[in-house]
Amino acid sequence: MDNHNNLKPNLMAYANLFDKLSSGKPTWLIGIYVRLSKDDKKSVSLSIVNQIKLIARALRKFDDFRVVDIYIDDGKTGTDFDRSDYVRLEADIASKVVNCMIVKDLNRYARNIADGIKALDDFVLKHKLRFVSLGIPEIDTYKDPTAISSAEVYAALNAAEDYSRTTSKKVRAIQAIKREDGEPNGGFPPYGFLPNPDGGPWLYDPVAGAVKQKIFLWSKSGLSDYGIAKKLNALGIPNPTAYKKSLGLKYYHPRGDTNSGLWWPGTVRAILNDKTNIGCSVQGKTSSFDHKRHKQIPNKKEDYVIVEGCNEKTVSDELFETVAQIRSTRSRVTKTGTVHHFAGLVYCPNCQMAMKKTGAKGHEYLVCRTYRLAGEEHCTRKRSIRFDALENIVLAVIQAQIGLVANLQSIVGEINDRPEINRQSLRINQLLENCQREFEKETHLLDASYHDWKNGDISREQYQRIREETEKKLEQIRATLQTLAAEQLRAAQGVQANNEYFERFLKYQNIEALDRLMLVELIDRIYVDEDKSVKIEFNFSDQYLRVMDFVQQNTIEQDKPLSLTLEKKNESL
């Protein structure tokens, strides 16, 4: 034999045996092919060594041959021919290094009818290959060239494919159950975790976990994905692939051998979006078409299987959500690798497009990007607003809003100290009544159109059109009724002085300057009009309405002027 390097130590005895059995100038240059799939490993009779043992016994009856090599595909499926040593064997056959191929049985060769028969018909005949299969059906194309076209061969490959198909269905069903339960389901743990030798939940990696903490904190401070990658490279921190290789872990990456160890913005982005950071199991990102086609196809994000509470958290829920909120409004980065305060927040009220930051004469401005790009035919807002002027306006409005929230919190506290509290929302009750009347009206219309059709007043096509339109409206009304009913239940629970609405605003109670995190957390949109008037739409509008309902219902008799004052103050902002 010419190539012993790829054989395992316990196969060397067979390599020596084949050398002894070989003749000086052989007619047959034999390539022994053995394959073992992951499922086959449960069977001792199919082990790599036992396959070679059976072939060695058969070779004692052969004459005039030399074993060129043993081609081993361990852990590879037979449903396709994308197997490294089979490809090597094909190349040796094509170059006449091998002219006789021996397998234990057809299942070792293929478990795919279409590809198996095509390879036997085309490849074997094209290269005048002697193909020998020792199992049932027994095949030797030197003794019987027609053997590969027999019904037995077709039946054997058909049975092999049925076995693969059935096994695939069973495996997929088990994998689906494990995904739904949040159990590890193959694959390597993401950066920040290590494999569990016992097969349980991933183990937290404190070294990589500390790097993840830095990544999230840098993103929270406004640093871009590019800026974070640049900072990690400057600190000499290896990227996830290089880090796993440095630990000696059995981790495979398609470009692992050429990996530079550098961080890239895409790697940072993937980490910041990964919900495994907050203890979730995230599976089902890809899937294969069937048992024969193994290419992984990306699934839609809404089809991911996400189960909470499966792993240790690498960052807190609050930090993860804050970073996600900041990134949802992130815009173009500056030369410093950060984004400016108002990126993605300031809009033109005319065209509803985000305004663009520009500079002139030593000052920074925000201008309508539609007007700058396409002219006044598409947007008439010509005037810009100075960046620092907008900062001063927004800061003053936020400070006033925080003052209003503090006042509301004090009022809510006083209300909750009373012996009797009204937790009914007249606003929601009125909306529910209006919605119910609309539902009854549309239902009556649908019933009337049915009678009109039966009486011959309208055609079947007209009735079907009315029915489709009305059922769409009824479905929308049902959804609205469900939302209002849920809101009514929340209102019935009352409002406490320590609820999220108050806490989100009041933690910035003593601010003297704007920062990116605060703006993203508190503000939904800022509109700057042609006359430079500014309108701010704050986040938490639902919570605000809930608080105002609670205050109004409990002050309408005792303190009516107070409620009106609060409304007016809020409108002025």
Protein backbone atom coordinates (compact mmCIF):
# COMPACT_ATOMS: atom_id res chain seq x y z
CA MET A 1 0.00 0.00 0.00
CA ASP A 2 1.22 3.51 -0.83
CA ASN A 3 -0.74 5.55 1.68
CA HIS A 4 -0.86 4.46 5.31
CA ASN A 5 -1.00 7.95 6.86
CA ASN A 6 -4.77 8.25 6.80
CA LEU A 7 -5.34 4.87 8.52
CA LYS A 8 -6.03 4.56 12.22
CA PRO A 9 -3.42 2.63 14.27
CA ASN A 10 -5.75 -0.35 14.81
CA LEU A 11 -6.10 -0.74 11.01
CA MET A 12 -2.38 -1.12 10.37
CA ALA A 13 -2.58 -4.89 10.75
CA TYR A 14 -4.98 -5.03 7.82
CA ALA A 15 -2.74 -2.74 5.80
CA ASN A 16 0.14 -5.19 6.32
CA LEU A 17 -2.12 -8.12 5.46
CA PHE A 18 -3.16 -6.51 2.18
CA ASP A 19 0.51 -5.95 1.32
CA LYS A 20 1.21 -9.66 1.83
CA LEU A 21 -1.79 -10.68 -0.28
CA SER A 22 -0.83 -8.34 -3.15
CA SER A 23 0.93 -9.63 -6.26
CA GLY A 24 3.94 -8.07 -7.99
CA LYS A 25 2.35 -6.82 -11.21
CA PRO A 26 -1.35 -6.88 -10.43
CA THR A 27 -4.24 -6.65 -12.84
CA TRP A 28 -6.58 -5.23 -10.23
CA LEU A 29 -5.70 -2.03 -8.35
CA ILE A 30 -8.19 -2.11 -5.50
CA GLY A 31 -9.68 0.77 -3.59
CA ILE A 32 -11.52 -0.42 -0.47
CA TYR A 33 -14.37 1.93 0.40
CA VAL A 34 -15.93 1.93 3.89
CA ARG A 35 -18.49 4.36 5.26
CA LEU A 36 -20.17 4.79 8.62
CA SER A 37 -22.98 7.30 9.27
CA LYS A 38 -23.77 8.70 12.71
CA ASP A 39 -26.81 6.42 13.02
CA ASP A 40 -24.84 3.36 11.89
CA LYS A 41 -22.42 3.76 14.82
CA LYS A 42 -25.00 2.07 17.03
CA SER A 43 -24.35 -1.19 15.12
CA VAL A 44 -21.10 -3.05 15.90
CA SER A 45 -21.34 -5.09 12.68
CA LEU A 46 -21.13 -1.89 10.60
CA SER A 47 -18.04 -0.45 12.31
CA ILE A 48 -15.15 0.65 10.11
CA VAL A 49 -12.90 -2.16 11.35
CA ASN A 50 -15.55 -4.85 10.85
CA GLN A 51 -16.27 -3.68 7.30
CA ILE A 52 -12.56 -3.97 6.48
CA LYS A 53 -12.41 -7.37 8.21
CA LEU A 54 -15.18 -8.72 5.97
CA ILE A 55 -13.53 -7.32 2.84
CA ALA A 56 -10.16 -8.79 3.91
CA ARG A 57 -11.76 -12.24 4.23
CA ALA A 58 -13.19 -11.93 0.71
CA LEU A 59 -9.86 -10.79 -0.74
CA ARG A 60 -8.25 -14.12 0.25
CA LYS A 61 -10.18 -15.60 -2.69
CA PHE A 62 -8.98 -12.91 -5.13
CA ASP A 63 -6.07 -13.32 -7.53
CA ASP A 64 -3.69 -10.88 -9.16
CA PHE A 65 -4.42 -7.71 -7.15
CA ARG A 66 -2.94 -4.96 -5.01
CA VAL A 67 -4.82 -2.84 -2.44
CA VAL A 68 -3.98 0.76 -3.29
CA ASP A 69 -5.68 2.38 -0.32
CA ILE A 70 -8.55 2.22 2.16
CA TYR A 71 -10.96 5.12 1.71
CA ILE A 72 -12.81 5.90 4.94
CA ASP A 73 -15.80 8.24 5.37
CA ASP A 74 -16.57 8.10 9.07
CA GLY A 75 -19.76 9.85 10.23
CA LYS A 76 -20.88 10.67 6.67
CA THR A 77 -24.39 10.10 5.27
CA GLY A 78 -24.98 7.89 2.26
CA THR A 79 -27.81 10.00 0.87
CA ASP A 80 -25.38 12.04 -1.24
CA PHE A 81 -21.82 11.75 -2.56
CA ASP A 82 -20.43 14.84 -0.83
CA ARG A 83 -17.95 12.73 1.15
CA SER A 84 -14.27 13.62 1.30
CA ASP A 85 -12.73 10.16 0.89
CA TYR A 86 -15.28 9.09 -1.74
CA VAL A 87 -14.31 12.18 -3.76
CA ARG A 88 -10.65 11.14 -3.34
CA LEU A 89 -11.52 7.61 -4.53
CA GLU A 90 -13.33 9.01 -7.58
CA ALA A 91 -10.23 11.04 -8.47
CA ASP A 92 -8.00 7.96 -8.16
CA ILE A 93 -10.40 5.96 -10.37
CA ALA A 94 -10.46 8.72 -12.99
CA SER A 95 -6.64 8.85 -13.03
CA LYS A 96 -6.41 5.01 -13.28
CA VAL A 97 -4.72 4.67 -9.89
CA VAL A 98 -7.67 2.44 -8.94
CA ASN A 99 -9.57 0.15 -11.33
CA CYS A 100 -11.47 -2.00 -8.81
CA MET A 101 -13.70 -0.73 -5.99
CA ILE A 102 -14.90 -3.00 -3.20
CA VAL A 103 -17.63 -2.24 -0.62
CA LYS A 104 -19.20 -4.39 2.09
CA ASP A 105 -22.69 -3.81 0.64
CA LEU A 106 -24.64 -1.29 -1.45
CA ASN A 107 -25.72 0.63 1.68
CA ARG A 108 -22.07 1.59 2.26
CA TYR A 109 -21.94 2.91 -1.31
CA ALA A 110 -25.23 4.87 -1.43
CA ARG A 111 -28.64 5.33 0.16
CA ASN A 112 -30.11 7.39 -2.64
CA ILE A 113 -31.83 5.65 -5.58
CA ALA A 114 -31.40 8.44 -8.13
CA ASP A 115 -27.72 9.20 -7.44
CA GLY A 116 -26.80 5.57 -6.67
CA ILE A 117 -28.09 4.11 -9.93
CA LYS A 118 -26.75 7.04 -11.97
CA ALA A 119 -23.26 6.58 -10.49
CA LEU A 120 -23.35 2.83 -11.09
CA ASP A 121 -24.58 3.21 -14.67
CA ASP A 122 -22.40 6.16 -15.69
CA PHE A 123 -19.25 6.23 -13.58
CA VAL A 124 -18.63 2.47 -13.42
CA LEU A 125 -19.12 1.94 -17.16
CA LYS A 126 -17.32 5.14 -18.17
CA HIS A 127 -14.12 4.22 -16.35
CA LYS A 128 -14.43 0.47 -16.95
CA LEU A 129 -14.36 0.03 -13.21
CA ARG A 130 -14.70 -3.35 -11.58
CA PHE A 131 -17.30 -2.78 -8.89
CA VAL A 132 -17.65 -5.38 -6.16
CA SER A 133 -20.31 -5.43 -3.46
CA LEU A 134 -20.12 -8.36 -1.04
CA GLY A 135 -23.60 -8.08 0.46
CA ILE A 136 -27.02 -8.94 -0.92
CA PRO A 137 -27.35 -8.53 -3.84
CA GLU A 138 -23.78 -9.72 -4.51
CA ILE A 139 -22.25 -7.75 -7.39
CA ASP A 140 -19.05 -8.22 -9.38
CA THR A 141 -19.15 -6.37 -12.70
CA TYR A 142 -16.08 -8.31 -13.96
CA LYS A 143 -17.92 -11.62 -13.65
CA ASP A 144 -21.34 -10.20 -14.64
CA PRO A 145 -21.36 -6.71 -16.27
CA THR A 146 -25.17 -6.66 -16.23
CA ALA A 147 -25.35 -7.06 -12.43
CA ILE A 148 -25.56 -3.32 -11.81
CA SER A 149 -28.73 -3.10 -13.91
CA SER A 150 -30.56 -5.87 -12.11
CA ALA A 151 -33.87 -5.49 -10.28
CA GLU A 152 -32.11 -6.62 -7.09
CA VAL A 153 -29.80 -3.60 -7.20
CA TYR A 154 -32.73 -1.24 -7.68
CA ALA A 155 -34.61 -2.93 -4.81
CA ALA A 156 -31.57 -2.75 -2.51
CA LEU A 157 -31.04 0.97 -3.15
CA ASN A 158 -34.77 1.61 -2.78
CA ALA A 159 -34.76 -0.15 0.61
CA ALA A 160 -31.68 1.86 1.64
CA GLU A 161 -33.35 5.12 0.71
CA ASP A 162 -36.54 4.16 2.55
CA TYR A 163 -34.44 3.47 5.61
CA SER A 164 -32.79 6.91 5.30
CA ARG A 165 -36.15 8.60 4.79
CA THR A 166 -37.70 6.89 7.82
CA THR A 167 -34.66 7.59 9.99
CA SER A 168 -34.65 11.22 8.90
CA LYS A 169 -38.30 11.64 9.89
CA LYS A 170 -37.64 10.12 13.31
CA VAL A 171 -34.60 12.30 13.88
CA ARG A 172 -36.45 15.44 12.79
CA ALA A 173 -39.33 14.65 15.14
CA ILE A 174 -36.94 14.18 18.08
CA GLN A 175 -35.09 17.38 17.18
CA ALA A 176 -38.38 19.31 17.04
CA ILE A 177 -39.29 18.11 20.54
CA LYS A 178 -35.85 19.07 21.87
CA ARG A 179 -36.11 22.51 20.25
CA GLU A 180 -39.50 23.14 21.84
CA ASP A 181 -38.09 22.10 25.23
CA GLY A 182 -35.04 24.34 24.75
CA GLU A 183 -32.60 21.41 24.97
CA PRO A 184 -29.22 21.50 23.17
CA ASN A 185 -29.81 20.01 19.75
CA GLY A 186 -26.43 19.60 18.15
CA GLY A 187 -24.17 22.37 16.98
CA PHE A 188 -21.55 24.24 18.95
CA PRO A 189 -22.51 26.67 21.75
CA PRO A 190 -22.31 30.38 20.83
CA TYR A 191 -19.50 32.62 22.01
CA GLY A 192 -19.75 33.05 25.78
CA PHE A 193 -20.64 29.41 26.45
CA LEU A 194 -18.82 26.07 26.53
CA PRO A 195 -20.10 22.56 25.75
CA ASN A 196 -21.38 20.62 28.74
CA PRO A 197 -19.58 17.24 28.97
CA ASP A 198 -22.72 15.78 30.57
CA GLY A 199 -24.88 16.91 27.66
CA GLY A 200 -26.90 19.36 29.75
CA PRO A 201 -27.29 23.16 29.38
CA TRP A 202 -24.25 25.05 28.11
CA LEU A 203 -21.67 26.14 30.63
CA TYR A 204 -20.98 29.85 31.10
CA ASP A 205 -17.52 30.94 29.93
CA PRO A 206 -16.41 33.82 32.21
CA VAL A 207 -13.62 34.97 29.85
CA ALA A 208 -15.79 35.30 26.75
CA GLY A 209 -18.69 36.46 28.94
CA ALA A 210 -16.62 39.41 30.15
CA VAL A 211 -15.87 40.37 26.52
CA LYS A 212 -19.60 40.23 25.74
CA GLN A 213 -20.31 42.55 28.67
CA LYS A 214 -17.86 45.09 27.22
CA ILE A 215 -19.44 44.79 23.76
CA PHE A 216 -22.91 45.56 25.12
CA LEU A 217 -21.70 48.44 27.32
CA TRP A 218 -19.79 49.99 24.40
CA SER A 219 -22.88 49.71 22.20
CA LYS A 220 -24.98 51.29 24.94
CA SER A 221 -22.57 54.24 25.09
CA GLY A 222 -23.16 54.87 21.36
CA LEU A 223 -20.18 53.09 19.80
CA SER A 224 -20.97 51.58 16.40
CA ASP A 225 -20.42 47.93 15.41
CA TYR A 226 -17.40 49.06 13.41
CA GLY A 227 -16.07 51.06 16.36
CA ILE A 228 -16.49 48.08 18.72
CA ALA A 229 -14.72 45.70 16.30
CA LYS A 230 -11.86 48.19 15.94
CA LYS A 231 -11.56 48.51 19.73
CA LEU A 232 -11.51 44.73 20.26
CA ASN A 233 -8.79 44.33 17.63
CA ALA A 234 -6.75 47.11 19.24
CA LEU A 235 -6.97 45.30 22.58
CA GLY A 236 -5.73 42.08 20.95
CA ILE A 237 -8.84 40.09 21.86
CA PRO A 238 -9.26 37.11 19.47
CA ASN A 239 -12.54 36.73 17.59
CA PRO A 240 -14.92 33.86 18.56
CA THR A 241 -13.50 31.35 16.05
CA ALA A 242 -9.86 32.01 17.03
CA TYR A 243 -10.79 31.95 20.73
CA LYS A 244 -12.47 28.53 20.46
CA LYS A 245 -9.48 27.15 18.57
CA SER A 246 -7.13 28.51 21.25
CA LEU A 247 -9.03 26.47 23.85
CA GLY A 248 -8.47 23.30 21.83
CA LEU A 249 -12.21 22.79 21.34
CA LYS A 250 -13.49 20.59 18.50
CA TYR A 251 -15.08 23.49 16.67
CA TYR A 252 -15.51 23.54 12.90
CA HIS A 253 -15.87 26.70 10.82
CA PRO A 254 -15.84 26.71 6.98
CA ARG A 255 -13.07 29.34 6.98
CA GLY A 256 -11.47 28.27 10.26
CA ASP A 257 -8.10 27.43 8.68
CA THR A 258 -7.77 30.90 7.16
CA ASN A 259 -9.33 32.83 10.05
CA SER A 260 -7.28 35.92 10.86
CA GLY A 261 -8.52 36.19 14.44
CA LEU A 262 -9.82 39.71 13.75
CA TRP A 263 -13.22 41.04 14.74
CA TRP A 264 -15.59 42.35 12.05
CA PRO A 265 -18.74 44.49 12.40
CA GLY A 266 -20.91 41.54 11.33
CA THR A 267 -19.58 39.42 14.22
CA VAL A 268 -20.34 42.21 16.71
CA ARG A 269 -23.81 42.66 15.20
CA ALA A 270 -24.60 38.95 15.54
CA ILE A 271 -23.61 38.95 19.22
CA LEU A 272 -25.68 42.05 20.03
CA ASN A 273 -28.78 40.52 18.38
CA ASP A 274 -28.41 37.05 19.92
CA LYS A 275 -31.06 36.25 22.55
CA THR A 276 -28.94 33.47 24.03
CA ASN A 277 -27.32 36.36 25.91
CA ILE A 278 -30.46 36.63 28.08
CA GLY A 279 -30.78 32.90 28.74
CA CYS A 280 -32.88 31.92 25.72
CA SER A 281 -32.48 28.85 23.56
CA VAL A 282 -32.62 30.04 19.93
CA GLN A 283 -32.96 27.17 17.44
CA GLY A 284 -34.45 26.52 14.03
CA LYS A 285 -32.43 29.25 12.30
CA THR A 286 -31.83 26.94 9.34
CA SER A 287 -33.32 23.75 7.95
CA SER A 288 -32.62 21.28 5.15
CA PHE A 289 -35.15 20.39 2.47
CA ASP A 290 -35.18 16.62 2.99
CA HIS A 291 -32.98 13.62 3.86
CA LYS A 292 -31.16 13.80 0.50
CA ARG A 293 -30.49 17.52 0.22
CA HIS A 294 -28.43 18.63 3.19
CA LYS A 295 -27.81 22.26 2.28
CA GLN A 296 -28.96 24.44 5.17
CA ILE A 297 -31.56 27.04 4.16
CA PRO A 298 -32.02 30.12 6.42
CA ASN A 299 -35.47 30.31 8.03
CA LYS A 300 -37.44 33.49 8.66
CA LYS A 301 -36.85 35.05 12.08
CA GLU A 302 -40.51 34.58 13.01
CA ASP A 303 -39.98 30.81 12.52
CA TYR A 304 -37.12 30.60 15.05
CA VAL A 305 -37.90 28.46 18.11
CA ILE A 306 -37.09 30.64 21.13
CA VAL A 307 -37.44 29.24 24.65
CA GLU A 308 -36.65 31.38 27.69
CA GLY A 309 -34.70 30.33 30.79
CA CYS A 310 -32.52 27.65 29.21
CA ASN A 311 -29.03 29.00 29.89
CA GLU A 312 -27.17 31.33 32.20
CA LYS A 313 -27.44 34.99 31.16
CA THR A 314 -24.32 36.74 29.90
CA VAL A 315 -25.96 40.20 30.17
CA SER A 316 -28.97 41.51 32.06
CA ASP A 317 -32.40 41.78 30.43
CA GLU A 318 -32.35 45.54 30.95
CA LEU A 319 -28.97 45.98 29.22
CA PHE A 320 -30.02 43.76 26.29
CA GLU A 321 -33.32 45.63 25.80
CA THR A 322 -31.64 49.03 26.13
CA VAL A 323 -29.05 48.17 23.49
CA ALA A 324 -31.77 46.77 21.19
CA GLN A 325 -33.75 50.00 21.55
CA ILE A 326 -30.69 52.14 20.79
CA ARG A 327 -29.79 50.04 17.75
CA SER A 328 -33.33 50.26 16.37
CA THR A 329 -32.81 53.99 15.80
CA ARG A 330 -29.12 53.85 14.92
CA SER A 331 -28.02 55.83 11.89
CA ARG A 332 -24.76 56.63 10.14
CA VAL A 333 -21.69 56.74 12.40
CA THR A 334 -19.47 59.80 12.81
CA LYS A 335 -15.69 59.93 12.35
CA THR A 336 -15.31 59.01 16.03
CA GLY A 337 -17.20 55.75 15.45
CA THR A 338 -20.37 56.93 17.25
CA VAL A 339 -23.76 58.25 16.14
CA HIS A 340 -25.04 61.75 16.96
CA HIS A 341 -27.73 62.32 19.62
CA PHE A 342 -30.67 62.80 17.25
CA ALA A 343 -29.86 60.13 14.63
CA GLY A 344 -33.08 58.46 13.51
CA LEU A 345 -35.22 60.58 15.86
CA VAL A 346 -35.77 63.93 14.09
CA TYR A 347 -38.26 63.99 11.20
CA CYS A 348 -39.64 66.43 8.67
CA PRO A 349 -43.42 66.78 9.26
CA ASN A 350 -44.03 67.33 5.53
CA CYS A 351 -42.42 64.23 3.96
CA GLN A 352 -42.09 62.14 7.17
CA MET A 353 -38.44 61.39 6.37
CA ALA A 354 -35.64 61.50 8.94
CA MET A 355 -33.66 64.75 8.84
CA LYS A 356 -29.99 64.76 7.94
CA LYS A 357 -27.08 66.27 9.85
CA THR A 358 -24.85 68.65 7.90
CA GLY A 359 -22.37 71.44 8.62
CA ALA A 360 -21.70 74.98 7.43
CA LYS A 361 -19.69 77.96 8.70
CA GLY A 362 -18.52 76.16 11.82
CA HIS A 363 -22.03 75.08 12.89
CA GLU A 364 -23.97 71.81 12.63
CA TYR A 365 -27.51 71.74 11.25
CA LEU A 366 -30.35 69.31 10.66
CA VAL A 367 -32.00 69.57 7.24
CA CYS A 368 -34.74 67.71 5.37
CA ARG A 369 -32.96 65.02 3.36
CA THR A 370 -35.81 64.82 0.80
CA TYR A 371 -35.53 68.56 -0.01
CA ARG A 372 -31.73 68.31 -0.23
CA LEU A 373 -31.87 65.23 -2.46
CA ALA A 374 -34.91 65.84 -4.71
CA GLY A 375 -35.84 69.53 -4.32
CA GLU A 376 -39.07 71.32 -3.40
CA GLU A 377 -41.11 69.28 -5.88
CA HIS A 378 -40.98 66.48 -3.32
CA CYS A 379 -40.77 68.48 -0.07
CA THR A 380 -41.15 72.21 0.54
CA ARG A 381 -39.31 72.34 3.87
CA LYS A 382 -36.28 74.45 2.94
CA ARG A 383 -35.12 75.82 6.28
CA SER A 384 -32.74 73.99 8.60
CA ILE A 385 -32.36 74.14 12.38
CA ARG A 386 -29.11 74.48 14.24
CA PHE A 387 -28.06 71.36 16.11
CA ASP A 388 -27.24 73.17 19.34
CA ALA A 389 -30.53 75.12 19.22
CA LEU A 390 -32.50 71.87 18.91
CA GLU A 391 -30.49 70.42 21.80
CA ASN A 392 -31.51 73.33 24.04
CA ILE A 393 -35.20 73.05 23.05
CA VAL A 394 -35.35 69.28 23.55
CA LEU A 395 -33.52 69.47 26.86
CA ALA A 396 -35.99 72.08 28.16
CA VAL A 397 -38.99 70.01 27.02
CA ILE A 398 -37.63 66.81 28.60
CA GLN A 399 -36.96 68.63 31.87
CA ALA A 400 -40.53 69.98 31.85
CA GLN A 401 -41.91 66.52 31.02
CA ILE A 402 -39.94 64.99 33.88
CA GLY A 403 -41.38 67.66 36.18
CA LEU A 404 -44.88 66.73 35.01
CA VAL A 405 -44.19 63.03 35.63
CA ALA A 406 -42.92 63.79 39.14
CA ASN A 407 -46.11 65.76 39.79
CA LEU A 408 -48.23 62.87 38.51
CA GLN A 409 -46.35 60.41 40.70
CA SER A 410 -47.09 62.54 43.76
CA ILE A 411 -50.80 62.71 42.85
CA VAL A 412 -50.97 58.94 42.29
CA GLY A 413 -49.37 58.39 45.68
CA GLU A 414 -51.98 60.62 47.36
CA ILE A 415 -54.83 58.82 45.56
CA ASN A 416 -53.56 55.39 46.65
CA ASP A 417 -53.57 56.59 50.27
CA ARG A 418 -57.34 57.21 50.13
CA PRO A 419 -59.73 54.63 51.63
CA GLU A 420 -61.71 54.39 48.36
CA ILE A 421 -60.19 54.34 44.89
CA ASN A 422 -61.99 54.36 41.53
CA ARG A 423 -60.20 52.00 39.15
CA GLN A 424 -62.66 52.26 36.26
CA SER A 425 -61.59 54.01 33.04
CA LEU A 426 -64.43 55.98 31.44
CA ARG A 427 -62.31 56.41 28.30
CA ILE A 428 -61.82 52.67 27.79
CA ASN A 429 -65.44 51.93 28.70
CA GLN A 430 -66.59 54.44 26.07
CA LEU A 431 -64.26 52.97 23.45
CA LEU A 432 -65.56 49.50 24.23
CA GLU A 433 -69.17 50.65 23.84
CA ASN A 434 -68.42 52.35 20.52
CA CYS A 435 -66.57 49.29 19.27
CA GLN A 436 -69.40 46.96 20.29
CA ARG A 437 -71.96 49.15 18.48
CA GLU A 438 -69.78 49.08 15.35
CA PHE A 439 -69.56 45.28 15.59
CA GLU A 440 -73.35 44.95 15.84
CA LYS A 441 -73.80 47.34 12.92
CA GLU A 442 -71.49 45.34 10.64
CA THR A 443 -73.09 42.03 11.72
CA HIS A 444 -76.53 43.43 10.86
CA LEU A 445 -75.21 44.55 7.46
CA LEU A 446 -73.88 41.05 6.76
CA ASP A 447 -77.21 39.44 7.71
CA ALA A 448 -79.17 41.95 5.59
CA SER A 449 -76.99 41.33 2.54
CA TYR A 450 -77.61 37.58 2.87
CA HIS A 451 -81.40 38.13 2.83
CA ASP A 452 -81.03 40.52 -0.14
CA TRP A 453 -79.20 37.81 -2.06
CA LYS A 454 -81.78 35.16 -1.24
CA ASN A 455 -84.58 37.54 -2.25
CA GLY A 456 -82.87 38.25 -5.57
CA ASP A 457 -82.18 41.94 -4.79
CA ILE A 458 -78.41 41.48 -5.27
CA SER A 459 -76.33 38.96 -7.22
CA ARG A 460 -74.25 36.17 -5.69
CA GLU A 461 -71.06 38.03 -6.68
CA GLN A 462 -72.27 41.21 -4.93
CA TYR A 463 -73.12 39.22 -1.80
CA GLN A 464 -69.70 37.53 -1.79
CA ARG A 465 -67.94 40.90 -2.13
CA ILE A 466 -70.01 42.42 0.71
CA ARG A 467 -69.36 39.36 2.85
CA GLU A 468 -65.58 39.43 2.32
CA GLU A 469 -65.35 43.15 3.10
CA THR A 470 -67.61 42.90 6.14
CA GLU A 471 -65.79 39.87 7.58
CA LYS A 472 -62.49 41.75 7.31
CA LYS A 473 -64.00 44.66 9.25
CA LEU A 474 -65.46 42.30 11.86
CA GLU A 475 -62.07 40.63 12.33
CA GLN A 476 -60.44 44.03 12.90
CA ILE A 477 -63.15 44.99 15.39
CA ARG A 478 -62.72 41.69 17.26
CA ALA A 479 -58.99 42.38 17.59
CA THR A 480 -59.70 45.91 18.87
CA LEU A 481 -62.23 44.58 21.39
CA GLN A 482 -59.66 42.09 22.70
CA THR A 483 -57.05 44.84 23.07
CA LEU A 484 -59.49 47.13 24.88
CA ALA A 485 -60.62 44.31 27.17
CA ALA A 486 -56.99 43.63 28.12
CA GLU A 487 -56.45 47.36 28.70
CA GLN A 488 -59.57 47.45 30.88
CA LEU A 489 -58.16 44.64 33.04
CA ARG A 490 -54.88 46.52 33.43
CA ALA A 491 -56.78 49.69 34.38
CA ALA A 492 -58.73 47.75 37.01
CA GLN A 493 -55.44 46.96 38.73
CA GLY A 494 -54.91 50.67 39.34
CA VAL A 495 -51.65 52.63 39.11
CA GLN A 496 -48.83 52.50 41.64
CA ALA A 497 -46.32 55.26 42.32
CA ASN A 498 -43.43 52.94 41.39
CA ASN A 499 -44.65 51.85 37.92
CA GLU A 500 -42.39 51.71 34.87
CA TYR A 501 -43.67 54.98 33.34
CA PHE A 502 -42.56 57.01 36.36
CA GLU A 503 -39.28 55.15 36.81
CA ARG A 504 -38.17 55.56 33.18
CA PHE A 505 -38.52 59.35 33.32
CA LEU A 506 -37.55 60.06 36.91
CA LYS A 507 -34.17 58.35 36.70
CA TYR A 508 -33.18 61.37 34.53
CA GLN A 509 -34.64 63.87 37.02
CA ASN A 510 -31.44 65.89 37.49
CA ILE A 511 -30.17 65.95 33.90
CA GLU A 512 -28.31 69.02 32.68
CA ALA A 513 -27.31 67.75 29.22
CA LEU A 514 -28.64 65.33 26.59
CA ASP A 515 -27.21 61.91 25.88
CA ARG A 516 -28.06 59.35 23.23
CA LEU A 517 -29.36 56.67 25.61
CA MET A 518 -31.83 59.02 27.31
CA LEU A 519 -33.21 60.32 24.00
CA VAL A 520 -33.78 56.83 22.59
CA GLU A 521 -35.40 55.63 25.80
CA LEU A 522 -37.79 58.56 26.29
CA ILE A 523 -38.56 59.86 22.79
CA ASP A 524 -40.29 58.22 19.83
CA ARG A 525 -40.05 61.07 17.31
CA ILE A 526 -39.17 64.76 17.08
CA TYR A 527 -40.78 66.91 14.35
CA VAL A 528 -39.22 70.23 13.33
CA ASP A 529 -41.50 72.46 11.24
CA GLU A 530 -40.65 75.18 8.72
CA ASP A 531 -41.07 77.88 11.40
CA LYS A 532 -38.63 75.88 13.60
CA SER A 533 -41.38 74.91 16.03
CA VAL A 534 -40.66 71.56 17.65
CA LYS A 535 -43.13 68.78 18.43
CA ILE A 536 -41.97 65.84 20.54
CA GLU A 537 -43.75 62.49 20.72
CA PHE A 538 -42.68 60.64 23.85
CA ASN A 539 -42.53 56.89 24.35
CA PHE A 540 -44.84 55.18 26.86
CA SER A 541 -47.97 56.89 25.50
CA ASP A 542 -50.15 53.94 26.59
CA GLN A 543 -48.79 54.11 30.13
CA TYR A 544 -49.34 57.87 30.18
CA LEU A 545 -52.99 57.49 29.15
CA ARG A 546 -53.47 54.82 31.80
CA VAL A 547 -52.05 57.13 34.48
CA MET A 548 -54.18 60.07 33.29
CA ASP A 549 -57.33 57.90 33.30
CA PHE A 550 -56.58 56.87 36.87
CA VAL A 551 -55.92 60.45 37.99
CA GLN A 552 -58.97 61.87 36.22
CA GLN A 553 -61.33 59.23 37.60
CA ASN A 554 -60.11 59.94 41.13
CA THR A 555 -59.98 63.73 40.91
CA ILE A 556 -63.06 64.49 38.79
CA GLU A 557 -65.23 65.10 41.85
CA GLN A 558 -62.65 66.13 44.42
CA ASP A 559 -60.11 68.07 42.41
CA LYS A 560 -61.44 68.82 38.92
CA PRO A 561 -59.23 71.91 38.25
CA LEU A 562 -56.11 69.82 38.93
CA SER A 563 -56.97 67.37 36.14
CA LEU A 564 -57.57 70.18 33.64
CA THR A 565 -54.28 71.83 34.55
CA LEU A 566 -52.38 68.60 33.90
CA GLU A 567 -54.01 68.13 30.49
CA LYS A 568 -53.21 71.66 29.38
CA LYS A 569 -49.62 71.39 30.53
CA ASN A 570 -49.10 68.17 28.62
CA GLU A 571 -50.59 69.64 25.42
CA SER A 572 -48.24 72.61 25.59
CA LEU A 573 -45.29 70.23 25.50
